[in-house]
C-alpha atoms as a PDB file:
ATOM      1  CA  MET A   1     254.990  30.433  47.278  1.00  0.00           C
ATOM      2  CA  ILE A   2     251.184  30.590  47.425  1.00  0.00           C
ATOM      3  CA  ASN A   3     249.712  33.318  45.212  1.00  0.00           C
ATOM      4  CA  CYS A   4     246.594  34.865  46.744  1.00  0.00           C
ATOM      5  CA  LEU A   5     243.596  36.940  45.703  1.00  0.00           C
ATOM      6  CA  ILE A   6     241.405  38.883  48.156  1.00  0.00           C
ATOM      7  CA  VAL A   7     237.750  39.417  47.207  1.00  0.00           C
ATOM      8  CA  ASP A   8     235.651  41.586  49.536  1.00  0.00           C
ATOM      9  CA  ASP A   9     233.509  44.694  49.091  1.00  0.00           C
ATOM     10  CA  GLU A  10     234.572  46.073  52.499  1.00  0.00           C
ATOM     11  CA  PRO A  11     237.886  48.032  52.321  1.00  0.00           C
ATOM     12  CA  ASN A  12     238.641  47.438  56.018  1.00  0.00           C
ATOM     13  CA  ALA A  13     238.272  43.679  55.598  1.00  0.00           C
ATOM     14  CA  VAL A  14     240.556  43.773  52.552  1.00  0.00           C
ATOM     15  CA  SER A  15     243.182  45.787  54.451  1.00  0.00           C
ATOM     16  CA  LEU A  16     243.159  43.331  57.360  1.00  0.00           C
ATOM     17  CA  LEU A  17     243.699  40.300  55.117  1.00  0.00           C
ATOM     18  CA  GLU A  18     246.366  42.157  53.161  1.00  0.00           C
ATOM     19  CA  ASP A  19     248.195  42.906  56.418  1.00  0.00           C
ATOM     20  CA  TYR A  20     248.020  39.243  57.462  1.00  0.00           C
ATOM     21  CA  ILE A  21     249.265  38.020  54.078  1.00  0.00           C
ATOM     22  CA  LEU A  22     252.243  40.391  54.190  1.00  0.00           C
ATOM     23  CA  LYS A  23     253.289  38.860  57.513  1.00  0.00           C
ATOM     24  CA  VAL A  24     253.646  35.370  56.006  1.00  0.00           C
ATOM     25  CA  ASP A  25     256.746  34.964  53.846  1.00  0.00           C
ATOM     26  CA  PHE A  26     255.363  32.168  51.652  1.00  0.00           C
ATOM     27  CA  LEU A  27     252.174  34.071  50.748  1.00  0.00           C
ATOM     28  CA  ASN A  28     252.116  36.496  47.832  1.00  0.00           C
ATOM     29  CA  LEU A  29     249.191  38.875  47.271  1.00  0.00           C
ATOM     30  CA  ARG A  30     248.538  39.084  43.534  1.00  0.00           C
ATOM     31  CA  GLN A  31     245.423  41.264  43.541  1.00  0.00           C
ATOM     32  CA  LYS A  32     242.606  42.816  45.579  1.00  0.00           C
ATOM     33  CA  CYS A  33     239.093  42.835  44.095  1.00  0.00           C
ATOM     34  CA  TYR A  34     236.001  44.517  45.501  1.00  0.00           C
ATOM     35  CA  ASP A  35     233.301  42.737  43.500  1.00  0.00           C
ATOM     36  CA  ALA A  36     232.766  39.645  41.370  1.00  0.00           C
ATOM     37  CA  PHE A  37     233.127  41.527  38.084  1.00  0.00           C
ATOM     38  CA  GLU A  38     236.688  42.571  38.969  1.00  0.00           C
ATOM     39  CA  VAL A  39     237.490  38.946  39.819  1.00  0.00           C
ATOM     40  CA  VAL A  40     236.228  37.610  36.494  1.00  0.00           C
ATOM     41  CA  THR A  41     238.244  40.243  34.622  1.00  0.00           C
ATOM     42  CA  PHE A  42     241.430  39.526  36.581  1.00  0.00           C
ATOM     43  CA  LEU A  43     241.198  35.725  36.355  1.00  0.00           C
ATOM     44  CA  ARG A  44     240.665  35.900  32.604  1.00  0.00           C
ATOM     45  CA  ASN A  45     244.411  36.498  32.177  1.00  0.00           C
ATOM     46  CA  ASN A  46     245.809  35.509  35.570  1.00  0.00           C
ATOM     47  CA  LYS A  47     245.850  32.491  37.845  1.00  0.00           C
ATOM     48  CA  VAL A  48     246.058  32.333  41.631  1.00  0.00           C
ATOM     49  CA  ASP A  49     246.483  29.450  44.053  1.00  0.00           C
ATOM     50  CA  LEU A  50     244.213  30.715  46.823  1.00  0.00           C
ATOM     51  CA  ILE A  51     241.196  33.045  46.946  1.00  0.00           C
ATOM     52  CA  PHE A  52     239.967  34.688  50.152  1.00  0.00           C
ATOM     53  CA  LEU A  53     236.331  35.109  49.153  1.00  0.00           C
ATOM     54  CA  ASP A  54     233.715  37.109  51.048  1.00  0.00           C
ATOM     55  CA  ILE A  55     230.254  35.555  50.833  1.00  0.00           C
ATOM     56  CA  ASN A  56     228.154  38.699  51.283  1.00  0.00           C
ATOM     57  CA  MET A  57     228.768  40.942  48.269  1.00  0.00           C
ATOM     58  CA  PRO A  58     226.399  43.043  46.134  1.00  0.00           C
ATOM     59  CA  ASN A  59     225.112  41.873  42.736  1.00  0.00           C
ATOM     60  CA  ILE A  60     226.911  38.509  42.700  1.00  0.00           C
ATOM     61  CA  SER A  61     227.525  36.818  46.050  1.00  0.00           C
ATOM     62  CA  GLY A  62     230.681  34.936  46.938  1.00  0.00           C
ATOM     63  CA  LEU A  63     228.808  31.632  46.722  1.00  0.00           C
ATOM     64  CA  GLU A  64     227.526  32.453  43.244  1.00  0.00           C
ATOM     65  CA  LEU A  65     231.032  33.472  42.187  1.00  0.00           C
ATOM     66  CA  ALA A  66     232.482  30.240  43.619  1.00  0.00           C
ATOM     67  CA  SER A  67     230.104  28.228  41.440  1.00  0.00           C
ATOM     68  CA  MET A  68     231.604  29.934  38.358  1.00  0.00           C
ATOM     69  CA  LEU A  69     235.210  29.088  39.258  1.00  0.00           C
ATOM     70  CA  PRO A  70     237.098  25.897  38.307  1.00  0.00           C
ATOM     71  CA  LYS A  71     236.295  22.946  40.575  1.00  0.00           C
ATOM     72  CA  ASP A  72     239.904  22.711  41.780  1.00  0.00           C
ATOM     73  CA  GLN A  73     240.191  26.393  42.741  1.00  0.00           C
ATOM     74  CA  CYS A  74     241.358  26.688  46.349  1.00  0.00           C
ATOM     75  CA  ILE A  75     238.995  28.955  48.345  1.00  0.00           C
ATOM     76  CA  ILE A  76     238.827  30.233  51.914  1.00  0.00           C
ATOM     77  CA  PHE A  77     235.449  31.851  52.536  1.00  0.00           C
ATOM     78  CA  THR A  78     235.143  34.894  54.808  1.00  0.00           C
ATOM     79  CA  THR A  79     231.937  36.409  56.205  1.00  0.00           C
ATOM     80  CA  ALA A  80     230.380  38.030  59.248  1.00  0.00           C
ATOM     81  CA  TYR A  81     227.529  35.485  59.340  1.00  0.00           C
ATOM     82  CA  SER A  82     228.103  32.025  60.814  1.00  0.00           C
ATOM     83  CA  SER A  83     224.875  30.794  59.201  1.00  0.00           C
ATOM     84  CA  HIS A  84     226.680  30.670  55.849  1.00  0.00           C
ATOM     85  CA  ALA A  85     229.323  28.191  57.008  1.00  0.00           C
ATOM     86  CA  MET A  86     227.574  25.043  55.776  1.00  0.00           C
ATOM     87  CA  GLU A  87     226.855  26.616  52.386  1.00  0.00           C
ATOM     88  CA  GLY A  88     230.525  27.515  52.037  1.00  0.00           C
ATOM     89  CA  TYR A  89     231.701  23.963  52.624  1.00  0.00           C
ATOM     90  CA  GLU A  90     229.460  22.738  49.799  1.00  0.00           C
ATOM     91  CA  TYR A  91     231.957  24.348  47.422  1.00  0.00           C
ATOM     92  CA  ASN A  92     234.897  22.291  48.776  1.00  0.00           C
ATOM     93  CA  ALA A  93     236.338  25.316  50.545  1.00  0.00           C
ATOM     94  CA  ILE A  94     239.590  24.790  52.451  1.00  0.00           C
ATOM     95  CA  ASP A  95     238.241  26.728  55.417  1.00  0.00           C
ATOM     96  CA  TYR A  96     235.681  29.251  56.579  1.00  0.00           C
ATOM     97  CA  LEU A  97     236.773  32.393  58.470  1.00  0.00           C
ATOM     98  CA  LEU A  98     234.244  34.235  60.593  1.00  0.00           C
ATOM     99  CA  LYS A  99     234.769  37.993  60.912  1.00  0.00           C
ATOM    100  CA  PRO A 100     236.382  39.625  62.794  1.00  0.00           C
ATOM    101  CA  ILE A 101     239.295  37.392  61.770  1.00  0.00           C
ATOM    102  CA  THR A 102     242.192  37.029  64.195  1.00  0.00           C
ATOM    103  CA  PHE A 103     245.716  36.352  62.967  1.00  0.00           C
ATOM    104  CA  LYS A 104     245.763  33.079  64.916  1.00  0.00           C
ATOM    105  CA  ARG A 105     242.630  31.859  63.129  1.00  0.00           C
ATOM    106  CA  PHE A 106     244.012  33.105  59.807  1.00  0.00           C
ATOM    107  CA  MET A 107     247.183  31.036  60.283  1.00  0.00           C
ATOM    108  CA  GLN A 108     245.150  27.928  61.108  1.00  0.00           C
ATOM    109  CA  ALA A 109     243.467  28.263  57.720  1.00  0.00           C
ATOM    110  CA  ILE A 110     246.822  28.804  56.012  1.00  0.00           C
ATOM    111  CA  ARG A 111     248.248  25.637  57.586  1.00  0.00           C
ATOM    112  CA  LYS A 112     245.278  23.723  56.195  1.00  0.00           C
ATOM    113  CA  THR A 113     246.022  25.227  52.799  1.00  0.00           C
ATOM    114  CA  GLU A 114     249.673  24.157  53.010  1.00  0.00           C
ATOM    115  CA  GLY A 115     248.561  20.603  53.721  1.00  0.00           C
ATOM    116  CA  TYR A 116     246.156  20.704  50.787  1.00  0.00           C
ATOM    117  CA  PHE A 117     248.877  21.758  48.341  1.00  0.00           C
ATOM    118  CA  ALA A 118     251.352  19.253  49.790  1.00  0.00           C
ATOM    119  CA  LEU A 119     248.920  16.435  48.993  1.00  0.00           C
ATOM    120  CA  ARG A 120     248.442  17.704  45.435  1.00  0.00           C
ATOM    121  CA  ARG A 121     252.183  17.982  44.755  1.00  0.00           C
ATOM    122  CA  PRO A 122     253.636  14.887  43.016  1.00  0.00           C
ATOM    123  CA  ALA A 123     255.952  12.837  45.235  1.00  0.00           C
ATOM    124  CA  GLY A 124     259.596  13.838  44.926  1.00  0.00           C
ATOM    125  CA  LEU A 125     258.820  17.152  43.223  1.00  0.00           C
ATOM    126  CA  LYS A 126     260.538  20.073  44.911  1.00  0.00           C
ATOM    127  CA  GLU A 127     258.709  23.369  45.135  1.00  0.00           C
ATOM    128  CA  LEU A 128     260.410  26.225  43.294  1.00  0.00           C
ATOM    129  CA  THR A 129     261.711  28.934  45.593  1.00  0.00           C
ATOM    130  CA  LEU A 130     262.527  31.569  42.980  1.00  0.00           C
ATOM    131  CA  SER A 131     261.279  35.069  43.644  1.00  0.00           C
ATOM    132  CA  ASP A 132     258.066  35.983  41.814  1.00  0.00           C
ATOM    133  CA  ASP A 133     260.049  38.887  40.367  1.00  0.00           C
ATOM    134  CA  THR A 134     262.539  36.533  38.673  1.00  0.00           C
ATOM    135  CA  ILE A 135     262.080  35.743  34.988  1.00  0.00           C
ATOM    136  CA  PHE A 136     264.270  34.007  32.404  1.00  0.00           C
ATOM    137  CA  ILE A 137     264.845  35.419  28.931  1.00  0.00           C
ATOM    138  CA  LYS A 138     266.181  33.400  26.004  1.00  0.00           C
ATOM    139  CA  SER A 139     268.291  35.517  23.664  1.00  0.00           C
ATOM    140  CA  GLY A 140     270.124  33.621  20.943  1.00  0.00           C
ATOM    141  CA  LYS A 141     272.001  30.771  22.635  1.00  0.00           C
ATOM    142  CA  GLN A 142     271.832  32.441  26.038  1.00  0.00           C
ATOM    143  CA  ILE A 143     269.260  32.095  28.812  1.00  0.00           C
ATOM    144  CA  MET A 144     269.455  35.180  30.992  1.00  0.00           C
ATOM    145  CA  LYS A 145     267.978  35.690  34.434  1.00  0.00           C
ATOM    146  CA  MET A 146     266.562  39.118  35.173  1.00  0.00           C
ATOM    147  CA  ARG A 147     264.116  40.857  37.481  1.00  0.00           C
ATOM    148  CA  SER A 148     260.862  42.015  35.924  1.00  0.00           C
ATOM    149  CA  ARG A 149     261.060  45.205  38.011  1.00  0.00           C
ATOM    150  CA  ASP A 150     264.142  46.220  35.980  1.00  0.00           C
ATOM    151  CA  ILE A 151     262.252  46.131  32.672  1.00  0.00           C
ATOM    152  CA  LEU A 152     261.220  49.609  31.505  1.00  0.00           C
ATOM    153  CA  TYR A 153     259.315  48.661  28.365  1.00  0.00           C
ATOM    154  CA  CYS A 154     259.189  46.202  25.479  1.00  0.00           C
ATOM    155  CA  LYS A 155     259.226  47.233  21.825  1.00  0.00           C
ATOM    156  CA  ALA A 156     258.092  45.024  18.947  1.00  0.00           C
ATOM    157  CA  ASN A 157     260.465  44.634  16.022  1.00  0.00           C
ATOM    158  CA  LYS A 158     258.741  42.403  13.452  1.00  0.00           C
ATOM    159  CA  GLU A 159     259.084  38.849  14.851  1.00  0.00           C
ATOM    160  CA  TYR A 160     261.400  40.015  17.622  1.00  0.00           C
ATOM    161  CA  VAL A 161     260.910  42.047  20.801  1.00  0.00           C
ATOM    162  CA  ASN A 162     263.453  44.435  22.252  1.00  0.00           C
ATOM    163  CA  ILE A 163     263.278  44.321  26.060  1.00  0.00           C
ATOM    164  CA  VAL A 164     264.599  47.627  27.374  1.00  0.00           C
ATOM    165  CA  CYS A 165     265.815  47.434  30.964  1.00  0.00           C
ATOM    166  CA  VAL A 166     267.330  49.906  33.394  1.00  0.00           C
ATOM    167  CA  ASN A 167     270.904  48.958  32.471  1.00  0.00           C
ATOM    168  CA  GLU A 168     270.646  46.979  29.224  1.00  0.00           C
ATOM    169  CA  SER A 169     268.532  45.984  26.231  1.00  0.00           C
ATOM    170  CA  VAL A 170     267.898  42.406  25.122  1.00  0.00           C
ATOM    171  CA  LEU A 171     266.521  41.270  21.764  1.00  0.00           C
ATOM    172  CA  ILE A 172     264.454  38.068  21.864  1.00  0.00           C
ATOM    173  CA  TYR A 173     262.594  36.009  19.278  1.00  0.00           C
ATOM    174  CA  ARG A 174     259.040  36.295  20.550  1.00  0.00           C
ATOM    175  CA  ARG A 175     255.763  37.847  19.467  1.00  0.00           C
ATOM    176  CA  MET A 176     254.329  40.653  21.597  1.00  0.00           C
ATOM    177  CA  LYS A 177     251.101  38.764  22.308  1.00  0.00           C
ATOM    178  CA  GLN A 178     253.029  35.845  23.823  1.00  0.00           C
ATOM    179  CA  LEU A 179     255.165  38.163  25.940  1.00  0.00           C
ATOM    180  CA  GLU A 180     252.141  40.156  27.098  1.00  0.00           C
ATOM    181  CA  GLU A 181     250.507  36.979  28.440  1.00  0.00           C
ATOM    182  CA  GLN A 182     253.625  35.962  30.388  1.00  0.00           C
ATOM    183  CA  LEU A 183     254.566  39.268  32.017  1.00  0.00           C
ATOM    184  CA  PRO A 184     253.295  40.226  35.529  1.00  0.00           C
ATOM    185  CA  PRO A 185     250.084  42.311  35.957  1.00  0.00           C
ATOM    186  CA  ASN A 186     251.974  45.622  36.283  1.00  0.00           C
ATOM    187  CA  PHE A 187     252.852  45.440  32.562  1.00  0.00           C
ATOM    188  CA  ILE A 188     250.303  46.875  30.144  1.00  0.00           C
ATOM    189  CA  ARG A 189     250.029  47.175  26.365  1.00  0.00           C
ATOM    190  CA  ILE A 190     249.772  50.804  25.211  1.00  0.00           C
ATOM    191  CA  HIS A 191     250.351  50.285  21.492  1.00  0.00           C
ATOM    192  CA  ASN A 192     250.686  47.422  19.016  1.00  0.00           C
ATOM    193  CA  SER A 193     254.436  47.930  19.325  1.00  0.00           C
ATOM    194  CA  TYR A 194     254.822  48.737  23.037  1.00  0.00           C
ATOM    195  CA  ILE A 195     254.288  47.149  26.453  1.00  0.00           C
ATOM    196  CA  ILE A 196     255.303  49.266  29.444  1.00  0.00           C
ATOM    197  CA  ASN A 197     256.077  48.598  33.089  1.00  0.00           C
ATOM    198  CA  LEU A 198     253.665  50.830  35.028  1.00  0.00           C
ATOM    199  CA  ASP A 199     256.127  51.039  37.909  1.00  0.00           C
ATOM    200  CA  HIS A 200     258.417  53.114  35.667  1.00  0.00           C
ATOM    201  CA  LEU A 201     255.713  55.316  34.135  1.00  0.00           C
ATOM    202  CA  GLU A 202     256.533  58.972  34.899  1.00  0.00           C
ATOM    203  CA  LYS A 203     254.002  60.991  32.895  1.00  0.00           C
ATOM    204  CA  ILE A 204     251.169  60.778  30.403  1.00  0.00           C
ATOM    205  CA  VAL A 205     251.165  63.751  28.052  1.00  0.00           C
ATOM    206  CA  ASP A 206     248.487  63.783  25.356  1.00  0.00           C
ATOM    207  CA  ASN A 207     248.997  60.517  23.470  1.00  0.00           C
ATOM    208  CA  GLN A 208     252.415  59.678  24.858  1.00  0.00           C
ATOM    209  CA  VAL A 209     253.918  58.211  28.021  1.00  0.00           C
ATOM    210  CA  LEU A 210     257.268  59.237  29.444  1.00  0.00           C
ATOM    211  CA  ILE A 211     259.626  56.592  30.846  1.00  0.00           C
ATOM    212  CA  ARG A 212     263.188  57.581  31.748  1.00  0.00           C
ATOM    213  CA  GLN A 213     263.062  60.565  29.367  1.00  0.00           C
ATOM    214  CA  THR A 214     261.862  58.321  26.520  1.00  0.00           C
ATOM    215  CA  LYS A 215     258.527  59.195  24.894  1.00  0.00           C
ATOM    216  CA  LEU A 216     256.400  56.249  23.772  1.00  0.00           C
ATOM    217  CA  PRO A 217     253.132  56.492  21.790  1.00  0.00           C
ATOM    218  CA  ILE A 218     249.714  55.469  23.134  1.00  0.00           C
ATOM    219  CA  SER A 219     247.394  54.194  20.425  1.00  0.00           C
ATOM    220  CA  THR A 220     243.675  54.983  20.514  1.00  0.00           C
ATOM    221  CA  GLY A 221     242.749  51.334  21.031  1.00  0.00           C
ATOM    222  CA  TYR A 222     244.797  51.012  24.230  1.00  0.00           C
ATOM    223  CA  ARG A 223     244.388  54.500  25.714  1.00  0.00           C
ATOM    224  CA  GLU A 224     241.067  53.778  27.460  1.00  0.00           C
ATOM    225  CA  GLN A 225     242.465  50.622  29.080  1.00  0.00           C
ATOM    226  CA  LEU A 226     245.498  52.518  30.403  1.00  0.00           C
ATOM    227  CA  LEU A 227     243.436  55.393  31.818  1.00  0.00           C
ATOM    228  CA  ALA A 228     240.952  52.991  33.422  1.00  0.00           C
ATOM    229  CA  LEU A 229     243.787  51.184  35.161  1.00  0.00           C
ATOM    230  CA  ILE A 230     245.432  54.280  36.622  1.00  0.00           C
ATOM    231  CA  SER A 231     242.104  55.952  37.497  1.00  0.00           C
ATOM    232  CA  LYS A 232     241.957  53.874  40.707  1.00  0.00           C
ATOM    233  CA  LYS A 233     244.970  55.823  41.983  1.00  0.00           C
ATOM    234  CA  LEU A 234     244.220  59.154  40.326  1.00  0.00           C
ATOM    235  CA  PHE A 235     243.920  62.075  42.761  1.00  0.00           C
END
Protein backbone atom coordinates (compact mmCIF):
# COMPACT_ATOMS: atom_id res chain seq x y z
CA MET A 1 0.00 0.00 0.00
CA ILE A 2 1.32 3.44 -0.99
CA ASN A 3 0.09 6.23 1.29
CA CYS A 4 -0.46 9.48 -0.60
CA LEU A 5 -0.82 13.19 0.09
CA ILE A 6 -2.33 15.67 -2.39
CA VAL A 7 -1.11 19.28 -2.23
CA ASP A 8 -2.82 21.79 -4.53
CA ASP A 9 -4.59 25.12 -4.01
CA GLU A 10 -7.14 24.33 -6.76
CA PRO A 11 -10.12 22.26 -5.45
CA ASN A 12 -10.89 20.85 -8.92
CA ALA A 13 -7.32 19.59 -9.31
CA VAL A 14 -7.48 17.99 -5.86
CA SER A 15 -10.80 16.29 -6.68
CA LEU A 16 -9.41 14.86 -9.93
CA LEU A 17 -6.35 13.35 -8.23
CA GLU A 18 -8.51 12.04 -5.40
CA ASP A 19 -10.76 10.32 -7.94
CA TYR A 20 -7.75 8.73 -9.67
CA ILE A 21 -6.25 7.53 -6.38
CA LEU A 22 -9.54 5.90 -5.35
CA LYS A 23 -9.50 3.87 -8.57
CA VAL A 24 -6.16 2.22 -7.71
CA ASP A 25 -6.44 -0.43 -5.01
CA PHE A 26 -2.85 -0.14 -3.76
CA LEU A 27 -3.03 3.65 -3.28
CA ASN A 28 -4.35 5.14 -0.05
CA LEU A 29 -5.14 8.85 0.26
CA ARG A 30 -4.07 10.01 3.71
CA GLN A 31 -4.76 13.73 3.39
CA LYS A 32 -5.57 16.66 1.09
CA CYS A 33 -3.81 19.98 1.70
CA TYR A 34 -4.45 23.29 -0.04
CA ASP A 35 -1.29 25.17 0.90
CA ALA A 36 2.22 24.57 2.23
CA PHE A 37 1.30 25.50 5.80
CA GLU A 38 -1.25 22.67 5.98
CA VAL A 39 1.39 20.26 4.67
CA VAL A 40 3.96 21.23 7.30
CA THR A 41 1.36 20.83 10.05
CA PHE A 42 0.21 17.43 8.78
CA LEU A 43 3.70 16.00 8.23
CA ARG A 44 4.77 17.04 11.72
CA ASN A 45 2.88 14.02 13.11
CA ASN A 46 2.29 11.91 10.00
CA LYS A 47 4.32 10.26 7.27
CA VAL A 48 3.36 9.51 3.68
CA ASP A 49 5.07 7.56 0.92
CA LEU A 50 4.11 9.77 -2.01
CA ILE A 51 3.21 13.46 -2.39
CA PHE A 52 1.38 14.86 -5.42
CA LEU A 53 2.71 18.41 -5.23
CA ASP A 54 1.47 21.36 -7.27
CA ILE A 55 4.25 23.79 -8.16
CA ASN A 56 2.19 26.98 -8.48
CA MET A 57 0.79 27.80 -5.04
CA PRO A 58 0.45 31.11 -3.15
CA ASN A 59 2.89 32.18 -0.43
CA ILE A 60 5.16 29.11 -0.61
CA SER A 61 5.50 27.40 -3.98
CA GLY A 62 5.68 23.65 -4.46
CA LEU A 63 9.38 23.90 -5.31
CA GLU A 64 10.09 25.85 -2.13
CA LEU A 65 8.11 23.31 -0.12
CA ALA A 66 9.99 20.42 -1.76
CA SER A 67 13.28 21.94 -0.61
CA MET A 68 12.02 21.75 3.00
CA LEU A 69 11.11 18.06 2.82
CA PRO A 70 13.43 15.10 3.56
CA LYS A 71 15.73 14.24 0.65
CA ASP A 72 14.20 10.76 0.30
CA GLN A 73 10.59 11.99 0.14
CA CYS A 74 8.90 10.62 -2.98
CA ILE A 75 7.29 13.45 -5.00
CA ILE A 76 5.28 13.70 -8.21
CA PHE A 77 5.01 17.33 -9.28
CA THR A 78 1.84 18.64 -10.94
CA THR A 79 1.39 21.97 -12.73
CA ALA A 80 -0.24 23.67 -15.69
CA TYR A 81 3.09 25.09 -16.92
CA SER A 82 5.52 22.87 -18.84
CA SER A 83 8.30 25.42 -18.28
CA HIS A 84 8.60 24.19 -14.69
CA ALA A 85 9.43 20.60 -15.65
CA MET A 86 13.22 20.94 -15.48
CA GLU A 87 13.03 22.71 -12.11
CA GLY A 88 10.89 19.88 -10.76
CA TYR A 89 13.40 17.21 -11.72
CA GLU A 90 16.11 19.03 -9.77
CA TYR A 91 14.36 17.82 -6.62
CA ASN A 92 14.65 14.13 -7.62
CA ALA A 93 10.94 13.94 -8.40
CA ILE A 94 9.62 10.57 -9.57
CA ASP A 95 7.64 12.23 -12.35
CA TYR A 96 6.12 15.46 -13.57
CA LEU A 97 2.42 15.62 -14.53
CA LEU A 98 1.22 18.40 -16.79
CA LYS A 99 -2.38 19.54 -16.27
CA PRO A 100 -4.95 18.57 -17.38
CA ILE A 101 -3.86 15.13 -16.15
CA THR A 102 -5.33 12.08 -17.86
CA PHE A 103 -5.79 8.81 -16.00
CA LYS A 104 -3.45 7.08 -18.47
CA ARG A 105 -0.67 9.57 -17.72
CA PHE A 106 -1.41 9.32 -14.00
CA MET A 107 -0.96 5.53 -14.11
CA GLN A 108 2.34 5.87 -15.95
CA ALA A 109 3.62 7.95 -13.04
CA ILE A 110 2.29 5.43 -10.53
CA ARG A 111 4.09 2.57 -12.30
CA LYS A 112 7.31 4.56 -12.03
CA THR A 113 6.61 4.99 -8.33
CA GLU A 114 6.06 1.25 -7.89
CA GLY A 115 9.44 0.59 -9.49
CA TYR A 116 11.08 3.15 -7.23
CA PHE A 117 9.74 1.51 -4.07
CA ALA A 118 10.58 -1.97 -5.35
CA LEU A 119 14.23 -0.94 -5.68
CA ARG A 120 14.26 0.50 -2.16
CA ARG A 121 12.73 -2.62 -0.59
CA PRO A 122 15.35 -5.04 0.82
CA ALA A 123 15.65 -8.28 -1.15
CA GLY A 124 13.42 -11.05 0.18
CA LEU A 125 11.27 -8.69 2.25
CA LYS A 126 7.57 -9.16 1.59
CA GLU A 127 5.33 -6.12 1.57
CA LEU A 128 2.64 -6.15 4.26
CA THR A 129 -0.87 -6.42 2.88
CA LEU A 130 -2.80 -5.65 6.06
CA SER A 131 -5.57 -3.10 5.80
CA ASP A 132 -4.62 0.40 6.97
CA ASP A 133 -7.56 0.09 9.36
CA THR A 134 -6.01 -2.94 11.11
CA ILE A 135 -4.15 -2.40 14.37
CA PHE A 136 -2.78 -4.77 17.02
CA ILE A 137 -3.32 -4.21 20.73
CA LYS A 138 -1.28 -5.91 23.45
CA SER A 139 -3.34 -6.56 26.58
CA GLY A 140 -1.66 -8.66 29.24
CA LYS A 141 -0.34 -11.80 27.52
CA GLN A 142 -2.66 -11.36 24.55
CA ILE A 143 -2.09 -9.58 21.24
CA MET A 144 -5.47 -8.69 19.79
CA LYS A 145 -6.27 -7.60 16.26
CA MET A 146 -8.92 -4.93 15.87
CA ARG A 147 -10.11 -2.30 13.43
CA SER A 148 -9.43 1.31 14.38
CA ARG A 149 -12.88 2.26 13.04
CA ASP A 150 -14.44 0.22 15.88
CA ILE A 151 -12.72 2.29 18.58
CA LEU A 152 -15.06 4.88 20.11
CA TYR A 153 -12.64 6.57 22.49
CA CYS A 154 -9.65 5.98 24.75
CA LYS A 155 -9.59 6.87 28.44
CA ALA A 156 -6.42 7.29 30.51
CA ASN A 157 -6.23 5.38 33.78
CA LYS A 158 -2.90 6.28 35.41
CA GLU A 159 -0.28 4.24 33.48
CA TYR A 160 -2.96 2.33 31.59
CA VAL A 161 -5.41 3.24 28.83
CA ASN A 162 -8.90 1.83 28.48
CA ILE A 163 -9.76 1.44 24.79
CA VAL A 164 -13.54 1.54 24.46
CA CYS A 165 -14.81 -0.09 21.28
CA VAL A 166 -18.23 -0.67 19.78
CA ASN A 167 -18.56 -4.15 21.31
CA GLU A 168 -15.84 -4.36 23.98
CA SER A 169 -13.33 -2.53 26.16
CA VAL A 170 -9.63 -3.38 26.39
CA LEU A 171 -7.19 -2.22 29.06
CA ILE A 172 -3.59 -1.79 27.89
CA TYR A 173 -0.35 -0.70 29.53
CA ARG A 174 0.45 2.42 27.55
CA ARG A 175 0.66 6.16 28.12
CA MET A 176 -1.82 8.38 26.28
CA LYS A 177 0.92 10.34 24.50
CA GLN A 178 2.32 7.15 22.95
CA LEU A 179 -1.12 5.99 21.86
CA GLU A 180 -2.00 9.40 20.43
CA GLU A 181 1.07 9.29 18.17
CA GLN A 182 0.22 5.82 16.85
CA LEU A 183 -3.50 6.22 16.13
CA PRO A 184 -4.78 7.31 12.67
CA PRO A 185 -5.47 11.03 11.91
CA ASN A 186 -9.21 10.75 12.66
CA PHE A 187 -8.40 10.37 16.38
CA ILE A 188 -8.01 13.58 18.37
CA ARG A 189 -7.15 14.44 21.97
CA ILE A 190 -9.93 16.41 23.69
CA HIS A 191 -8.70 16.15 27.28
CA ASN A 192 -5.64 14.92 29.18
CA SER A 193 -7.65 11.76 29.85
CA TYR A 194 -9.51 11.29 26.55
CA ILE A 195 -8.82 10.63 22.87
CA ILE A 196 -11.88 10.26 20.65
CA ASN A 197 -12.58 8.81 17.22
CA LEU A 198 -14.12 11.68 15.23
CA ASP A 199 -16.05 9.21 13.09
CA HIS A 200 -18.17 8.37 16.15
CA LEU A 201 -18.63 11.94 17.40
CA GLU A 202 -22.37 12.70 17.56
CA LYS A 203 -22.61 16.10 19.26
CA ILE A 204 -20.64 18.85 20.94
CA VAL A 205 -22.62 20.46 23.75
CA ASP A 206 -20.87 23.21 25.71
CA ASN A 207 -17.69 21.57 27.01
CA GLN A 208 -18.67 17.98 26.32
CA VAL A 209 -18.82 15.59 23.37
CA LEU A 210 -21.42 12.87 22.98
CA ILE A 211 -20.40 9.44 21.69
CA ARG A 212 -22.91 6.58 21.84
CA GLN A 213 -24.85 8.31 24.65
CA THR A 214 -21.64 8.76 26.66
CA LYS A 215 -20.66 12.32 27.61
CA LEU A 216 -16.93 13.08 27.63
CA PRO A 217 -15.33 16.35 28.81
CA ILE A 218 -13.45 18.77 26.54
CA SER A 219 -10.69 20.63 28.35
CA THR A 220 -9.94 24.27 27.55
CA GLY A 221 -6.51 23.43 26.16
CA TYR A 222 -7.89 21.05 23.52
CA ARG A 223 -11.20 22.75 22.66
CA GLU A 224 -9.73 25.16 20.09
CA GLN A 225 -7.94 22.33 18.28
CA LEU A 226 -11.15 20.29 18.07
CA LEU A 227 -13.25 23.20 16.79
CA ALA A 228 -10.60 24.15 14.23
CA LEU A 229 -10.59 20.61 12.88
CA ILE A 230 -14.35 20.31 12.45
CA SER A 231 -14.75 23.89 11.16
CA LYS A 232 -13.73 22.70 7.67
CA LYS A 233 -16.97 20.70 7.52
CA LEU A 234 -19.16 23.04 9.56
CA PHE A 235 -22.26 24.27 7.72
